[in-house]
Amino acid sequence: MIKVMNFDHLQRDLKSNAIVNTSSTEYEIYIARKQQRELDKNKMQDMCREINTLKAELIEIKSIIKKIGNGNGS
């Protein structure tokens, strides 16, 4: 690998011609951000599931109230 001019942690891979960041600190920051995004995604999915459950429960409650209102309660 050849060091990229004016950048301490960048090197060019001679086989692929790619620029590679060799900073372990920046890599750790990248991994931490990636993990946080995954946690945020999971949290959002959990909230959507909970909202959908609440919607279904509200529909069921409305149905029960309509039945009671019509005198057809169980």
C-alpha atoms as a PDB file:
ATOM      1  CA  MET A   1       0.000   0.000   0.000  1.00  0.00           C
ATOM      2  CA  ILE A   2       1.111   3.547  -0.735  1.00  0.00           C
ATOM      3  CA  LYS A   3       0.424   6.434   1.612  1.00  0.00           C
ATOM      4  CA  VAL A   4      -1.944   9.089   0.235  1.00  0.00           C
ATOM      5  CA  MET A   5      -0.347  12.540   0.200  1.00  0.00           C
ATOM      6  CA  ASN A   6      -1.596  14.995   2.891  1.00  0.00           C
ATOM      7  CA  PHE A   7      -3.638  12.293   4.693  1.00  0.00           C
ATOM      8  CA  ASP A   8      -2.088  10.422   7.610  1.00  0.00           C
ATOM      9  CA  HIS A   9      -4.553   7.519   7.753  1.00  0.00           C
ATOM     10  CA  LEU A  10      -5.257   6.949   4.060  1.00  0.00           C
ATOM     11  CA  GLN A  11      -3.402   4.475   1.872  1.00  0.00           C
ATOM     12  CA  ARG A  12      -3.935   3.277  -1.687  1.00  0.00           C
ATOM     13  CA  ASP A  13      -4.242  -0.471  -2.240  1.00  0.00           C
ATOM     14  CA  LEU A  14      -2.097  -1.313  -5.253  1.00  0.00           C
ATOM     15  CA  LYS A  15      -4.184  -4.344  -6.329  1.00  0.00           C
ATOM     16  CA  SER A  16      -7.630  -2.733  -6.306  1.00  0.00           C
ATOM     17  CA  ASN A  17      -6.516   0.904  -6.523  1.00  0.00           C
ATOM     18  CA  ALA A  18      -8.904   1.611  -3.621  1.00  0.00           C
ATOM     19  CA  ILE A  19      -8.257   4.188  -0.916  1.00  0.00           C
ATOM     20  CA  VAL A  20      -8.159   2.516   2.512  1.00  0.00           C
ATOM     21  CA  ASN A  21      -8.543   4.315   5.841  1.00  0.00           C
ATOM     22  CA  THR A  22      -6.103   2.741   8.304  1.00  0.00           C
ATOM     23  CA  SER A  23      -7.208   4.700  11.385  1.00  0.00           C
ATOM     24  CA  SER A  24      -8.440   2.297  14.060  1.00  0.00           C
ATOM     25  CA  THR A  25     -10.093   5.186  15.930  1.00  0.00           C
ATOM     26  CA  GLU A  26     -12.161   6.172  12.917  1.00  0.00           C
ATOM     27  CA  TYR A  27     -13.059   2.524  12.364  1.00  0.00           C
ATOM     28  CA  GLU A  28     -14.285   2.216  15.961  1.00  0.00           C
ATOM     29  CA  ILE A  29     -16.374   5.377  15.502  1.00  0.00           C
ATOM     30  CA  TYR A  30     -17.831   3.895  12.310  1.00  0.00           C
ATOM     31  CA  ILE A  31     -18.713   0.630  14.076  1.00  0.00           C
ATOM     32  CA  ALA A  32     -20.314   2.505  17.000  1.00  0.00           C
ATOM     33  CA  ARG A  33     -22.429   4.598  14.602  1.00  0.00           C
ATOM     34  CA  LYS A  34     -23.449   1.497  12.672  1.00  0.00           C
ATOM     35  CA  GLN A  35     -24.510  -0.257  15.887  1.00  0.00           C
ATOM     36  CA  GLN A  36     -26.468   2.819  16.982  1.00  0.00           C
ATOM     37  CA  ARG A  37     -28.286   2.917  13.633  1.00  0.00           C
ATOM     38  CA  GLU A  38     -29.184  -0.753  14.058  1.00  0.00           C
ATOM     39  CA  LEU A  39     -30.494  -0.077  17.591  1.00  0.00           C
ATOM     40  CA  ASP A  40     -32.518   2.881  16.295  1.00  0.00           C
ATOM     41  CA  LYS A  41     -33.928   0.740  13.490  1.00  0.00           C
ATOM     42  CA  ASN A  42     -34.936  -1.996  15.944  1.00  0.00           C
ATOM     43  CA  LYS A  43     -36.499   0.559  18.264  1.00  0.00           C
ATOM     44  CA  MET A  44     -38.526   2.008  15.383  1.00  0.00           C
ATOM     45  CA  GLN A  45     -39.702  -1.451  14.338  1.00  0.00           C
ATOM     46  CA  ASP A  46     -40.774  -2.183  17.932  1.00  0.00           C
ATOM     47  CA  MET A  47     -42.719   1.093  18.075  1.00  0.00           C
ATOM     48  CA  CYS A  48     -44.454   0.298  14.766  1.00  0.00           C
ATOM     49  CA  ARG A  49     -45.448  -3.142  16.053  1.00  0.00           C
ATOM     50  CA  GLU A  50     -46.798  -1.605  19.252  1.00  0.00           C
ATOM     51  CA  ILE A  51     -48.770   1.021  17.294  1.00  0.00           C
ATOM     52  CA  ASN A  52     -50.248  -1.678  15.072  1.00  0.00           C
ATOM     53  CA  THR A  53     -51.229  -3.698  18.156  1.00  0.00           C
ATOM     54  CA  LEU A  54     -52.912  -0.634  19.669  1.00  0.00           C
ATOM     55  CA  LYS A  55     -54.788  -0.007  16.410  1.00  0.00           C
ATOM     56  CA  ALA A  56     -56.077  -3.579  16.386  1.00  0.00           C
ATOM     57  CA  GLU A  57     -57.153  -3.280  20.018  1.00  0.00           C
ATOM     58  CA  LEU A  58     -58.978  -0.010  19.300  1.00  0.00           C
ATOM     59  CA  ILE A  59     -60.832  -1.612  16.403  1.00  0.00           C
ATOM     60  CA  GLU A  60     -61.855  -4.452  18.711  1.00  0.00           C
ATOM     61  CA  ILE A  61     -62.990  -2.013  21.425  1.00  0.00           C
ATOM     62  CA  LYS A  62     -65.016  -0.013  18.879  1.00  0.00           C
ATOM     63  CA  SER A  63     -66.659  -3.213  17.685  1.00  0.00           C
ATOM     64  CA  ILE A  64     -67.591  -4.198  21.240  1.00  0.00           C
ATOM     65  CA  ILE A  65     -68.991  -0.724  21.962  1.00  0.00           C
ATOM     66  CA  LYS A  66     -71.099  -0.866  18.765  1.00  0.00           C
ATOM     67  CA  LYS A  67     -72.456  -4.271  19.781  1.00  0.00           C
ATOM     68  CA  ILE A  68     -73.340  -2.980  23.259  1.00  0.00           C
ATOM     69  CA  GLY A  69     -74.934   0.119  21.711  1.00  0.00           C
ATOM     70  CA  ASN A  70     -77.079  -2.056  19.452  1.00  0.00           C
ATOM     71  CA  GLY A  71     -78.192  -4.259  22.364  1.00  0.00           C
ATOM     72  CA  ASN A  72     -76.324  -7.277  21.046  1.00  0.00           C
ATOM     73  CA  GLY A  73     -73.739  -7.485  23.827  1.00  0.00           C
ATOM     74  CA  SER A  74     -72.615 -10.925  24.972  1.00  0.00           C
END
